[in-house]
Every structure is written in structure tokens, then in C-alpha cells.
Amino acid sequence: MTTSASTATTTTASTGAAGSRGTGAGTPLPAGGAASAAALSMAGRGGDTPAAEGHQYAPQWLELRESADAAARAVDLLDPLRIRLANLPRRATGLVVHDLGCGTGSMGRWLAPRLDGAQQWVLHDQDPALLRLAIERAPRAGADGSPVTVTTRRGDIGRLTAADLAGASLVTASALLDVLTREEIDTLAGACADAGVPALLTLSVVGRADLVPAHPMDQEIAEAFNAHQRASDLLGPDAITVACEAFAQRGATVRVHPSPWQLDERHIALTEEWLRGWVGAACEQRPELTERADAYLRDRLAACAAGELRVTLHHSDLLALPRPTGGTS
């Protein structure tokens, strides 16, 4: 994360009517191939996370996971969110939603058609190619047919401040918390609390994957993968707990709801990529696993191709409703 939000560039697009749905969060695609790409993407790498040198973001991964993300997100959190949004002092002028690490903008495609009223979405990402896709694919109307407009902003969400959220009604993100550090989550929670802005933060990995049929190496791979996700001070599966604490310490009401991927014979391509990434990251963390893990991966991919593998990949969604601050919420 290198670009300050205070110097972010902004592009604006206005869209007409009729929305779609989807997910967010960009994913770096290493030039080394699909397995390496998926190893990063399974971490839930957010679109605001810079790719390493020689890497690029992978919109194809976002497209592959979009339907699973949409099916997984916790719709039970929407009613308390709608109640808060309906009581905003500026509600008559429409909602302003900041989507952090937006990727191709699919969080907006999922959420905007589920909210009433005019909406302006501010899409944050460091990758200009993903921002262009987000503009092209932006939702066009809210649940009641009201217009949705979109702007894009390149900037570092690790330095987000309450001033950056001036006038905001809501902050959203998808598959992002687990690739932030403790300091970055604390900064995010502080910015939302100081601005009095609710946050809906979805699809954070929690370190659990249930595979059916079971295999003796499942737990060993999972533990090595989780260790890999905690590298470089990133929180990985600990992020949801840290985020809950950070928001609660600032007086927010915090709700958490499970949002698991349920992968079966309808998701063979996605499951294959997930498997390659999951095993690849585990072997990167523990190279001594490689020989046994190669055989494990072959077995799992064969079961997947035959439609015999079921995977529940556990995530959590978080809704934080901070105390109103006399401003926007």
C-alpha cells in the first residue's frame, strides 16, 4: 500500500437503470501460473493490496468466485443495516457508499440492488485496470429503481481517515480484512468510528475448510495454509476477531454472521483453483510437505473433476454500527 488517500485520483461515471450482483476485492496474479495465483487469491487478497513486482491483478479470479461470494454473503446483516441507513439525517439526498479494495466492483453489484434510494458508490482500489472494469460493470439502480452513480478513487486504505469518509453513509469491503495488519484494521475502525459511518465487511477467512470425503492430510494442509496467511504481519484468519475488538473498543455495535462458500459439482472450476492455491500456499509455508501434498492434490483434483468433492470454506461477515456522531449516521 503506497498511495496516500489524500492524494487519490478520482474518475466519475454515471449509470442509468437496472442493477446486477457480484463480489469485490482484487487478486494479484503471479506470472508463474494458476497455482501461484490461486495461492494468493485464497488469502482473500483485497484489490487495495499491491501486487509484488512482476505480478498483475487477476479479474478472471474475481469472475470465477463471484457467484460463490454472492451466495455466501450474510443477508441476515442487511436488515439492521437498512434500519441504520433509513435513519440517516441526509437520507433524502441518497446514500454515499465507500467500497474498499473494490476489485471489479462486485460488492456494489451485489449490495446496491438490495438497498433503496439513490446511491453514489466511491470505489477504492490501487489497480486502474480493475477500476475501469468496476466502472463498466457498475450497478445502475437500487432496489426501488433509484439511480446509482459511481466514482473511483486510487488510494491507500491503510491510511484512511475520518476526513476521507466525510459525507459517507456506509463503508463496505469484501475479502479484505484478512490481508490487513492489526494497525491497518485499527486505522479502519478508527476512521469509521470517528466519522460515525457503519461498515459492512464481508467474506473474511476464518481458517477452516471442511472437505467431504475427508482425507488424512486435510488438517495438516489447513494449518500450513493458515500460517502462510499470517506472514508479513497480515492477520489472515485472526482478522475477524481483531476487527470485532477494534470496532467494539470504539463503542460500535458489532454483529458477525457466517458466510461460507458451499462448493460442489456446480463449482468445479472454482474448487480446482481453490485447491491449487490452498495446497500451493501450504507447501510454500512448509516445503517438506511438497511430495505428499502433490499426491494429495492429484487425488483431490480427480475427485473434484468427478463431481465427488464437497468443500465448505468458512468465512465471516461483520457489520459494525458505530455511535452516531452528529454527522451522517
Protein backbone atom coordinates (compact mmCIF):
# COMPACT_ATOMS: atom_id res chain seq x y z
CA MET A 1 0.00 0.00 0.00
CA THR A 2 1.83 3.07 -1.22
CA THR A 3 -0.56 5.76 -2.43
CA SER A 4 -1.99 8.14 0.11
CA ALA A 5 -5.74 8.51 0.13
CA SER A 6 -5.30 12.24 0.47
CA THR A 7 -3.71 12.38 -2.98
CA ALA A 8 -6.03 9.89 -4.63
CA THR A 9 -7.18 10.45 -8.18
CA THR A 10 -10.89 10.24 -8.93
CA THR A 11 -12.84 9.26 -12.01
CA THR A 12 -16.60 9.62 -12.25
CA ALA A 13 -19.20 7.68 -14.21
CA SER A 14 -22.96 7.91 -14.10
CA THR A 15 -25.04 4.84 -14.85
CA GLY A 16 -28.68 4.58 -15.73
CA ALA A 17 -31.08 1.84 -14.56
CA ALA A 18 -31.24 -1.88 -13.69
CA GLY A 19 -28.59 -3.44 -11.44
CA SER A 20 -26.69 -6.73 -11.25
CA ARG A 21 -24.85 -8.51 -8.46
CA GLY A 22 -21.40 -9.80 -7.55
CA THR A 23 -18.36 -9.52 -5.29
CA GLY A 24 -15.25 -7.44 -4.74
CA ALA A 25 -11.54 -7.49 -3.81
CA GLY A 26 -8.81 -7.76 -6.40
CA THR A 27 -6.27 -10.58 -6.51
CA PRO A 28 -2.67 -10.49 -7.74
CA LEU A 29 -1.90 -12.99 -10.49
CA PRO A 30 1.76 -14.04 -10.49
CA ALA A 31 3.28 -14.73 -13.88
CA GLY A 32 4.25 -18.17 -12.56
CA GLY A 33 0.85 -19.73 -13.28
CA ALA A 34 -2.60 -20.53 -11.96
CA ALA A 35 -1.45 -22.42 -8.88
CA SER A 36 0.61 -19.48 -7.63
CA ALA A 37 -2.21 -17.10 -8.45
CA ALA A 38 -4.72 -19.09 -6.52
CA ALA A 39 -2.33 -19.39 -3.57
CA LEU A 40 -2.52 -15.62 -3.25
CA SER A 41 -6.18 -15.34 -4.10
CA MET A 42 -7.28 -17.84 -1.50
CA ALA A 43 -5.91 -15.48 1.09
CA GLY A 44 -8.74 -13.18 0.12
CA ARG A 45 -6.26 -10.62 -1.22
CA GLY A 46 -8.03 -7.28 -1.46
CA GLY A 47 -7.91 -5.03 -4.51
CA ASP A 48 -6.11 -2.42 -2.43
CA THR A 49 -3.23 -4.83 -1.85
CA PRO A 50 -0.36 -4.07 -4.25
CA ALA A 51 0.92 -6.93 -6.37
CA ALA A 52 4.55 -7.90 -5.97
CA GLU A 53 6.96 -6.84 -8.68
CA GLY A 54 6.18 -8.66 -11.93
CA HIS A 55 2.64 -9.52 -10.84
CA GLN A 56 -0.69 -8.21 -12.03
CA TYR A 57 -4.21 -8.36 -10.71
CA ALA A 58 -6.47 -11.19 -11.82
CA PRO A 59 -10.01 -10.14 -12.74
CA GLN A 60 -10.57 -13.67 -14.04
CA TRP A 61 -10.27 -14.97 -10.47
CA LEU A 62 -12.84 -12.42 -9.31
CA GLU A 63 -15.22 -13.53 -12.04
CA LEU A 64 -14.71 -17.18 -11.12
CA ARG A 65 -15.58 -16.61 -7.47
CA GLU A 66 -18.35 -14.06 -7.97
CA SER A 67 -21.35 -16.39 -7.77
CA ALA A 68 -19.97 -18.24 -4.73
CA ASP A 69 -19.34 -14.92 -2.97
CA ALA A 70 -22.83 -13.69 -3.77
CA ALA A 71 -24.41 -16.87 -2.44
CA ALA A 72 -22.29 -16.80 0.72
CA ARG A 73 -22.73 -13.23 1.95
CA ALA A 74 -24.82 -12.96 5.08
CA VAL A 75 -28.16 -11.45 4.07
CA ASP A 76 -29.19 -11.54 7.75
CA LEU A 77 -27.00 -8.48 8.31
CA LEU A 78 -28.91 -6.41 5.76
CA ASP A 79 -32.00 -5.67 7.87
CA PRO A 80 -30.10 -3.97 10.73
CA LEU A 81 -28.04 -2.14 8.12
CA ARG A 82 -31.15 -0.93 6.30
CA ILE A 83 -32.63 0.33 9.57
CA ARG A 84 -29.50 2.37 10.28
CA LEU A 85 -29.35 3.73 6.75
CA ALA A 86 -33.05 4.65 6.77
CA ASN A 87 -32.43 6.88 9.80
CA LEU A 88 -29.54 8.86 8.35
CA PRO A 89 -30.01 12.65 8.64
CA ARG A 90 -29.05 13.03 4.95
CA ARG A 91 -31.03 10.04 3.73
CA ALA A 92 -33.25 12.16 1.47
CA THR A 93 -30.24 13.09 -0.67
CA GLY A 94 -29.20 9.47 -1.18
CA LEU A 95 -26.54 7.13 0.15
CA VAL A 96 -22.78 7.53 -0.27
CA VAL A 97 -21.03 4.15 -0.07
CA HIS A 98 -17.24 3.72 0.05
CA ASP A 99 -16.17 0.26 -1.19
CA LEU A 100 -12.60 -0.51 -0.09
CA GLY A 101 -10.41 -2.78 -2.21
CA CYS A 102 -13.27 -2.96 -4.69
CA GLY A 103 -11.64 -5.06 -7.40
CA THR A 104 -14.10 -5.17 -10.30
CA GLY A 105 -16.83 -3.61 -8.15
CA SER A 106 -18.79 -6.75 -7.48
CA MET A 107 -19.63 -5.86 -3.88
CA GLY A 108 -21.60 -2.97 -5.33
CA ARG A 109 -23.23 -5.25 -7.87
CA TRP A 110 -24.42 -7.43 -5.02
CA LEU A 111 -25.42 -4.76 -2.50
CA ALA A 112 -26.71 -1.78 -4.49
CA PRO A 113 -29.73 -3.69 -5.86
CA ARG A 114 -30.59 -4.64 -2.27
CA LEU A 115 -30.74 -1.05 -0.96
CA ASP A 116 -33.47 1.51 -1.62
CA GLY A 117 -32.86 5.06 -2.76
CA ALA A 118 -30.30 6.91 -4.86
CA GLN A 119 -26.74 5.76 -4.25
CA GLN A 120 -23.27 7.11 -5.00
CA TRP A 121 -20.59 4.44 -4.76
CA VAL A 122 -16.97 5.50 -4.25
CA LEU A 123 -14.79 2.58 -5.35
CA HIS A 124 -11.31 2.43 -3.80
CA ASP A 125 -8.54 0.40 -5.41
CA GLN A 126 -4.92 0.80 -6.44
CA ASP A 127 -5.26 -1.03 -9.75
CA PRO A 128 -6.52 1.28 -12.53
CA ALA A 129 -7.44 -1.68 -14.75
CA LEU A 130 -9.75 -3.06 -12.08
CA LEU A 131 -11.26 0.37 -11.54
CA ARG A 132 -12.03 0.62 -15.25
CA LEU A 133 -13.80 -2.74 -15.08
CA ALA A 134 -15.68 -1.58 -11.99
CA ILE A 135 -16.97 1.44 -13.87
CA GLU A 136 -18.00 -0.63 -16.89
CA ARG A 137 -19.85 -3.19 -14.77
CA ALA A 138 -21.34 -0.86 -12.18
CA PRO A 139 -24.89 -1.42 -10.97
CA ARG A 140 -27.37 1.04 -12.42
CA ALA A 141 -30.25 1.11 -9.95
CA GLY A 142 -31.14 0.44 -6.36
CA ALA A 143 -33.85 -1.93 -5.17
CA ASP A 144 -36.56 0.67 -5.82
CA GLY A 145 -35.22 1.74 -9.22
CA SER A 146 -33.43 4.83 -7.92
CA PRO A 147 -30.24 5.71 -9.81
CA VAL A 148 -26.78 4.52 -8.82
CA THR A 149 -23.71 6.59 -9.72
CA VAL A 150 -20.10 5.52 -9.35
CA THR A 151 -16.78 7.28 -8.77
CA THR A 152 -13.38 5.64 -8.40
CA ARG A 153 -10.52 6.57 -6.12
CA ARG A 154 -6.97 5.28 -6.10
CA GLY A 155 -5.52 5.34 -2.63
CA ASP A 156 -4.16 3.51 0.39
CA ILE A 157 -6.91 2.25 2.68
CA GLY A 158 -4.25 1.62 5.33
CA ARG A 159 -4.18 5.39 5.83
CA LEU A 160 -7.91 6.00 5.69
CA THR A 161 -9.11 8.82 7.93
CA ALA A 162 -12.47 10.17 9.04
CA ALA A 163 -11.88 13.10 6.68
CA ASP A 164 -11.70 10.66 3.75
CA LEU A 165 -15.17 9.45 4.77
CA ALA A 166 -16.74 12.89 5.06
CA GLY A 167 -20.35 12.62 3.89
CA ALA A 168 -20.23 8.81 3.76
CA SER A 169 -23.26 6.70 4.66
CA LEU A 170 -21.56 3.28 4.62
CA VAL A 171 -18.17 1.60 4.22
CA THR A 172 -18.01 -1.82 2.57
CA ALA A 173 -15.31 -4.33 1.68
CA SER A 174 -15.15 -7.94 0.54
CA ALA A 175 -12.39 -10.49 1.21
CA LEU A 176 -10.16 -7.73 2.54
CA LEU A 177 -9.77 -7.84 6.34
CA ASP A 178 -7.60 -10.95 6.33
CA VAL A 179 -4.88 -9.26 4.26
CA LEU A 180 -4.63 -6.27 6.56
CA THR A 181 -2.32 -5.83 9.53
CA ARG A 182 -3.53 -5.14 13.05
CA GLU A 183 -2.53 -1.50 12.62
CA GLU A 184 -4.47 -1.18 9.36
CA ILE A 185 -7.62 -2.68 10.86
CA ASP A 186 -7.29 -0.35 13.83
CA THR A 187 -6.96 2.60 11.43
CA LEU A 188 -10.04 1.47 9.50
CA ALA A 189 -12.11 1.04 12.66
CA GLY A 190 -10.97 4.42 13.94
CA ALA A 191 -11.85 6.19 10.70
CA CYS A 192 -15.34 4.65 10.65
CA ALA A 193 -15.96 5.38 14.31
CA ASP A 194 -14.72 8.98 14.11
CA ALA A 195 -16.91 9.59 11.06
CA GLY A 196 -19.88 7.71 12.58
CA VAL A 197 -20.10 5.52 9.47
CA PRO A 198 -21.36 1.90 9.54
CA ALA A 199 -19.15 -0.79 8.00
CA LEU A 200 -20.22 -4.00 6.24
CA LEU A 201 -17.09 -6.12 5.81
CA THR A 202 -17.74 -9.46 4.17
CA LEU A 203 -16.05 -12.78 3.40
CA SER A 204 -13.14 -12.77 5.84
CA VAL A 205 -11.48 -16.19 6.05
CA VAL A 206 -11.57 -17.81 9.48
CA GLY A 207 -9.10 -20.65 8.95
CA ARG A 208 -11.49 -23.57 8.47
CA ALA A 209 -12.15 -25.69 5.42
CA ASP A 210 -14.29 -28.83 5.59
CA LEU A 211 -13.78 -31.32 2.75
CA VAL A 212 -16.01 -34.32 2.08
CA PRO A 213 -14.87 -37.03 1.77
CA ALA A 214 -12.22 -36.34 4.41
CA HIS A 215 -8.52 -37.05 3.86
CA PRO A 216 -5.77 -37.59 6.48
CA MET A 217 -3.83 -34.56 5.18
CA ASP A 218 -6.70 -32.08 5.32
CA GLN A 219 -5.82 -30.66 8.73
CA GLU A 220 -2.08 -30.54 8.04
CA ILE A 221 -2.65 -28.57 4.83
CA ALA A 222 -5.08 -26.24 6.59
CA GLU A 223 -2.66 -25.46 9.40
CA ALA A 224 0.20 -24.74 7.00
CA PHE A 225 -2.06 -22.56 4.86
CA ASN A 226 -3.21 -20.56 7.89
CA ALA A 227 0.40 -19.99 8.91
CA HIS A 228 1.12 -18.76 5.39
CA GLN A 229 -1.71 -16.25 5.63
CA ARG A 230 -0.23 -14.75 8.80
CA ALA A 231 3.05 -13.90 7.06
CA SER A 232 4.39 -10.32 6.99
CA ASP A 233 2.20 -9.29 9.95
CA LEU A 234 -1.02 -9.94 8.00
CA LEU A 235 -3.80 -11.22 10.21
CA GLY A 236 -5.23 -13.94 7.98
CA PRO A 237 -7.79 -15.99 9.92
CA ASP A 238 -7.33 -13.82 13.02
CA ALA A 239 -8.60 -10.70 11.25
CA ILE A 240 -12.29 -11.06 12.05
CA THR A 241 -11.60 -11.28 15.80
CA VAL A 242 -9.23 -8.32 15.70
CA ALA A 243 -11.73 -6.27 13.70
CA CYS A 244 -14.57 -7.04 16.10
CA GLU A 245 -12.41 -5.91 19.02
CA ALA A 246 -11.26 -2.76 17.23
CA PHE A 247 -14.80 -1.63 16.40
CA ALA A 248 -16.21 -2.63 19.80
CA GLN A 249 -13.50 -0.73 21.66
CA ARG A 250 -14.72 2.39 19.86
CA GLY A 251 -18.29 1.89 21.01
CA ALA A 252 -19.71 0.25 17.89
CA THR A 253 -22.38 -2.42 17.97
CA VAL A 254 -20.81 -5.37 16.16
CA ARG A 255 -22.63 -8.28 14.55
CA VAL A 256 -20.88 -11.25 12.96
CA HIS A 257 -22.52 -13.87 10.79
CA PRO A 258 -21.11 -16.95 9.00
CA SER A 259 -20.75 -16.63 5.21
CA PRO A 260 -19.30 -19.96 3.99
CA TRP A 261 -18.66 -20.94 0.44
CA GLN A 262 -20.53 -24.18 -0.30
CA LEU A 263 -18.70 -25.77 -3.23
CA ASP A 264 -19.93 -28.87 -5.03
CA GLU A 265 -20.25 -30.22 -8.57
CA ARG A 266 -21.67 -26.84 -9.67
CA HIS A 267 -18.37 -25.14 -8.85
CA ILE A 268 -15.73 -27.45 -10.31
CA ALA A 269 -13.56 -24.72 -11.87
CA LEU A 270 -13.62 -22.61 -8.71
CA THR A 271 -12.92 -25.58 -6.47
CA GLU A 272 -9.96 -26.62 -8.63
CA GLU A 273 -8.41 -23.17 -8.38
CA TRP A 274 -9.07 -23.05 -4.66
CA LEU A 275 -7.40 -26.43 -4.17
CA ARG A 276 -4.32 -25.41 -6.14
CA GLY A 277 -3.99 -22.23 -4.17
CA TRP A 278 -4.68 -23.80 -0.80
CA VAL A 279 -2.13 -26.57 -1.29
CA GLY A 280 0.38 -24.28 -3.01
CA ALA A 281 0.38 -21.81 -0.12
CA ALA A 282 0.72 -24.64 2.40
CA CYS A 283 3.77 -26.00 0.57
CA GLU A 284 5.29 -22.56 0.32
CA GLN A 285 4.97 -22.31 4.10
CA ARG A 286 6.20 -25.86 4.73
CA PRO A 287 8.28 -27.13 1.76
CA GLU A 288 8.71 -30.53 3.41
CA LEU A 289 5.04 -31.20 2.65
CA THR A 290 5.55 -30.92 -1.11
CA GLU A 291 5.94 -34.56 -2.10
CA ARG A 292 2.96 -35.79 -0.09
CA ALA A 293 0.95 -32.69 -0.96
CA ASP A 294 1.44 -33.29 -4.68
CA ALA A 295 -0.21 -36.70 -4.34
CA TYR A 296 -2.91 -35.19 -2.14
CA LEU A 297 -3.65 -32.51 -4.72
CA ARG A 298 -3.87 -35.04 -7.54
CA ASP A 299 -6.37 -37.09 -5.54
CA ARG A 300 -8.45 -34.04 -4.65
CA LEU A 301 -8.49 -32.69 -8.20
CA ALA A 302 -9.60 -36.07 -9.52
CA ALA A 303 -12.46 -36.18 -7.01
CA CYS A 304 -13.40 -32.63 -7.93
CA ALA A 305 -13.45 -33.38 -11.67
CA ALA A 306 -15.66 -36.39 -10.99
CA GLY A 307 -18.11 -34.24 -9.05
CA GLU A 308 -17.43 -36.20 -5.86
CA LEU A 309 -15.83 -33.49 -3.71
CA ARG A 310 -17.70 -31.09 -1.41
CA VAL A 311 -15.95 -28.14 0.22
CA THR A 312 -17.23 -25.76 2.86
CA LEU A 313 -14.81 -22.85 3.08
CA HIS A 314 -15.71 -20.84 6.14
CA HIS A 315 -15.83 -17.04 6.18
CA SER A 316 -17.44 -14.45 8.43
CA ASP A 317 -19.22 -11.19 7.61
CA LEU A 318 -19.06 -8.28 10.03
CA LEU A 319 -21.46 -5.37 10.46
CA ALA A 320 -20.25 -2.55 12.71
CA LEU A 321 -22.72 0.19 13.67
CA PRO A 322 -20.80 2.97 15.40
CA ARG A 323 -22.33 5.55 17.64
CA PRO A 324 -23.80 8.42 15.63
CA THR A 325 -21.55 11.47 15.72
CA GLY A 326 -23.97 14.23 14.76
CA GLY A 327 -22.98 13.83 11.12
CA THR A 328 -24.01 11.28 8.58
CA SER A 329 -25.23 8.31 10.63
